Amino acid sequence: MKLVFKSCAVTLAIASSVFLVSGLDAEDKSEDKNEPVTIVSHVDIRPDAYMPQAEENSWRLFRAEAAATKQDADLVSYVVLQQIDAANHFTIVETWRDAKAYEKHVGSKHTVQFRNEIQPFLGSPFDSRIDHQFR
């Protein structure tokens, strides 16, 4: 039992050292409110087999949202990807000047309308993750 405890203590000490030396401590994780943010959203649409024309209707909505979003101020990039082996799975990758610009986009009329209109076709909720560049 003493050997196991010593082994765990040594492992913990080494792991702590690695995190501190590599610069991954809490001080380096401070958020810069003016840095670009990238949002990756996975969107699962019900297959046509379960809801006729769900895929076709969702494609129309994705195209309209992409066109409207590309007119938004402070957009850096916006792309909608479709999974090759599952045509009802999409990934939206968007980068905004900062978090405030993204929040403005989320509240925009066209984005609220897109989210409301695509809702009946969703196979699962949006899975959106907001990221910033790793430092």
Protein backbone atom coordinates (compact mmCIF):
# COMPACT_ATOMS: atom_id res chain seq x y z
CA MET A 1 0.00 0.00 0.00
CA LYS A 2 2.89 2.38 0.82
CA LEU A 3 4.43 1.66 -2.57
CA VAL A 4 1.17 2.47 -4.37
CA PHE A 5 0.79 5.72 -2.42
CA LYS A 6 4.40 6.75 -3.16
CA SER A 7 3.93 5.91 -6.83
CA CYS A 8 0.78 8.06 -7.00
CA ALA A 9 2.50 10.94 -5.20
CA VAL A 10 5.48 10.83 -7.59
CA THR A 11 3.17 10.71 -10.63
CA LEU A 12 1.18 13.67 -9.31
CA ALA A 13 4.35 15.66 -8.64
CA ILE A 14 5.65 14.99 -12.16
CA ALA A 15 2.32 15.87 -13.76
CA SER A 16 2.14 19.13 -11.79
CA SER A 17 5.65 20.05 -12.91
CA VAL A 18 4.87 19.35 -16.54
CA PHE A 19 1.81 21.63 -16.48
CA LEU A 20 3.68 24.46 -14.80
CA VAL A 21 6.74 24.19 -17.02
CA SER A 22 4.73 23.89 -20.24
CA GLY A 23 2.91 27.17 -19.52
CA LEU A 24 -0.54 25.67 -19.13
CA ASP A 25 -1.17 27.24 -15.75
CA ALA A 26 -4.23 29.38 -15.07
CA GLU A 27 -2.42 32.70 -15.63
CA ASP A 28 -1.92 31.92 -19.33
CA LYS A 29 -5.59 31.13 -19.86
CA SER A 30 -6.78 34.68 -19.41
CA GLU A 31 -9.37 35.57 -22.05
CA ASP A 32 -8.74 38.41 -24.44
CA LYS A 33 -12.20 39.79 -25.16
CA ASN A 34 -11.04 41.30 -28.45
CA GLU A 35 -9.61 38.16 -30.01
CA PRO A 36 -11.30 36.23 -32.84
CA VAL A 37 -13.60 33.35 -31.89
CA THR A 38 -14.33 30.28 -33.98
CA ILE A 39 -17.53 28.34 -33.52
CA VAL A 40 -17.89 24.76 -34.70
CA SER A 41 -21.49 23.54 -34.77
CA HIS A 42 -22.52 20.00 -35.59
CA VAL A 43 -26.05 19.76 -36.97
CA ASP A 44 -27.83 16.43 -37.39
CA ILE A 45 -30.85 16.53 -39.72
CA ARG A 46 -33.45 13.76 -39.68
CA PRO A 47 -32.96 11.49 -42.67
CA ASP A 48 -35.62 11.64 -45.38
CA ALA A 49 -36.60 8.06 -44.48
CA TYR A 50 -37.96 9.39 -41.17
CA MET A 51 -39.22 12.76 -42.37
CA PRO A 52 -39.79 13.21 -46.11
CA GLN A 53 -37.90 16.16 -47.64
CA ALA A 54 -36.17 17.04 -44.36
CA GLU A 55 -32.78 17.02 -46.07
CA GLU A 56 -33.93 19.12 -49.05
CA ASN A 57 -35.65 21.67 -46.80
CA SER A 58 -32.64 21.91 -44.50
CA TRP A 59 -30.30 22.45 -47.49
CA ARG A 60 -32.46 25.40 -48.54
CA LEU A 61 -32.27 26.83 -45.00
CA PHE A 62 -28.47 26.34 -44.78
CA ARG A 63 -27.99 28.14 -48.11
CA ALA A 64 -30.17 31.07 -47.06
CA GLU A 65 -28.44 31.39 -43.67
CA ALA A 66 -24.98 31.23 -45.26
CA ALA A 67 -25.88 33.97 -47.76
CA ALA A 68 -27.33 36.22 -45.04
CA THR A 69 -24.45 35.58 -42.62
CA LYS A 70 -21.85 36.49 -45.23
CA GLN A 71 -23.37 40.00 -45.21
CA ASP A 72 -22.88 40.39 -41.43
CA ALA A 73 -20.29 42.86 -40.17
CA ASP A 74 -17.24 41.46 -38.37
CA LEU A 75 -17.46 38.02 -40.02
CA VAL A 76 -14.04 36.54 -40.75
CA SER A 77 -15.18 33.28 -42.37
CA TYR A 78 -18.23 31.04 -42.63
CA VAL A 79 -18.49 27.61 -44.21
CA VAL A 80 -21.08 24.83 -44.08
CA LEU A 81 -19.66 21.32 -44.52
CA GLN A 82 -21.66 18.20 -45.33
CA GLN A 83 -20.42 14.81 -44.16
CA ILE A 84 -19.53 12.57 -47.13
CA ASP A 85 -20.91 9.30 -45.76
CA ALA A 86 -23.94 10.80 -43.97
CA ALA A 87 -25.62 13.46 -46.11
CA ASN A 88 -27.84 14.53 -43.21
CA HIS A 89 -24.89 15.57 -41.00
CA PHE A 90 -23.53 19.09 -41.29
CA THR A 91 -20.78 21.11 -39.65
CA ILE A 92 -20.81 24.90 -39.60
CA VAL A 93 -17.41 26.52 -39.03
CA GLU A 94 -17.55 30.26 -38.47
CA THR A 95 -14.99 32.78 -37.26
CA TRP A 96 -15.91 36.22 -35.92
CA ARG A 97 -13.78 39.25 -35.06
CA ASP A 98 -14.60 38.73 -31.37
CA ALA A 99 -17.19 37.20 -29.04
CA LYS A 100 -19.33 40.35 -29.14
CA ALA A 101 -19.64 40.10 -32.94
CA TYR A 102 -20.68 36.45 -32.62
CA GLU A 103 -23.31 37.33 -29.98
CA LYS A 104 -24.70 39.99 -32.31
CA HIS A 105 -24.90 37.41 -35.12
CA VAL A 106 -26.70 34.87 -32.90
CA GLY A 107 -29.32 37.49 -32.08
CA SER A 108 -29.72 38.68 -35.66
CA LYS A 109 -33.10 38.30 -37.33
CA HIS A 110 -31.84 35.90 -40.01
CA THR A 111 -30.06 33.60 -37.52
CA VAL A 112 -33.04 33.46 -35.16
CA GLN A 113 -35.27 32.71 -38.16
CA PHE A 114 -32.86 29.99 -39.38
CA ARG A 115 -32.76 28.31 -35.98
CA ASN A 116 -36.55 28.41 -35.67
CA GLU A 117 -37.22 27.11 -39.18
CA ILE A 118 -34.68 24.29 -39.05
CA GLN A 119 -35.89 23.07 -35.64
CA PRO A 120 -38.51 20.58 -36.95
CA PHE A 121 -35.86 18.89 -39.13
CA LEU A 122 -33.25 18.37 -36.40
CA GLY A 123 -32.38 14.85 -35.38
CA SER A 124 -30.63 16.22 -32.28
CA PRO A 125 -29.93 19.67 -30.79
CA PHE A 126 -27.21 21.89 -32.25
CA ASP A 127 -23.82 20.97 -30.80
CA SER A 128 -21.97 24.30 -30.86
CA ARG A 129 -18.55 24.90 -29.36
CA ILE A 130 -16.94 28.32 -29.08
CA ASP A 131 -13.16 28.35 -29.33
CA HIS A 132 -10.28 30.80 -29.45
CA GLN A 133 -6.79 30.29 -30.73
CA PHE A 134 -4.64 28.19 -28.41
CA ARG A 135 -1.77 30.12 -26.88
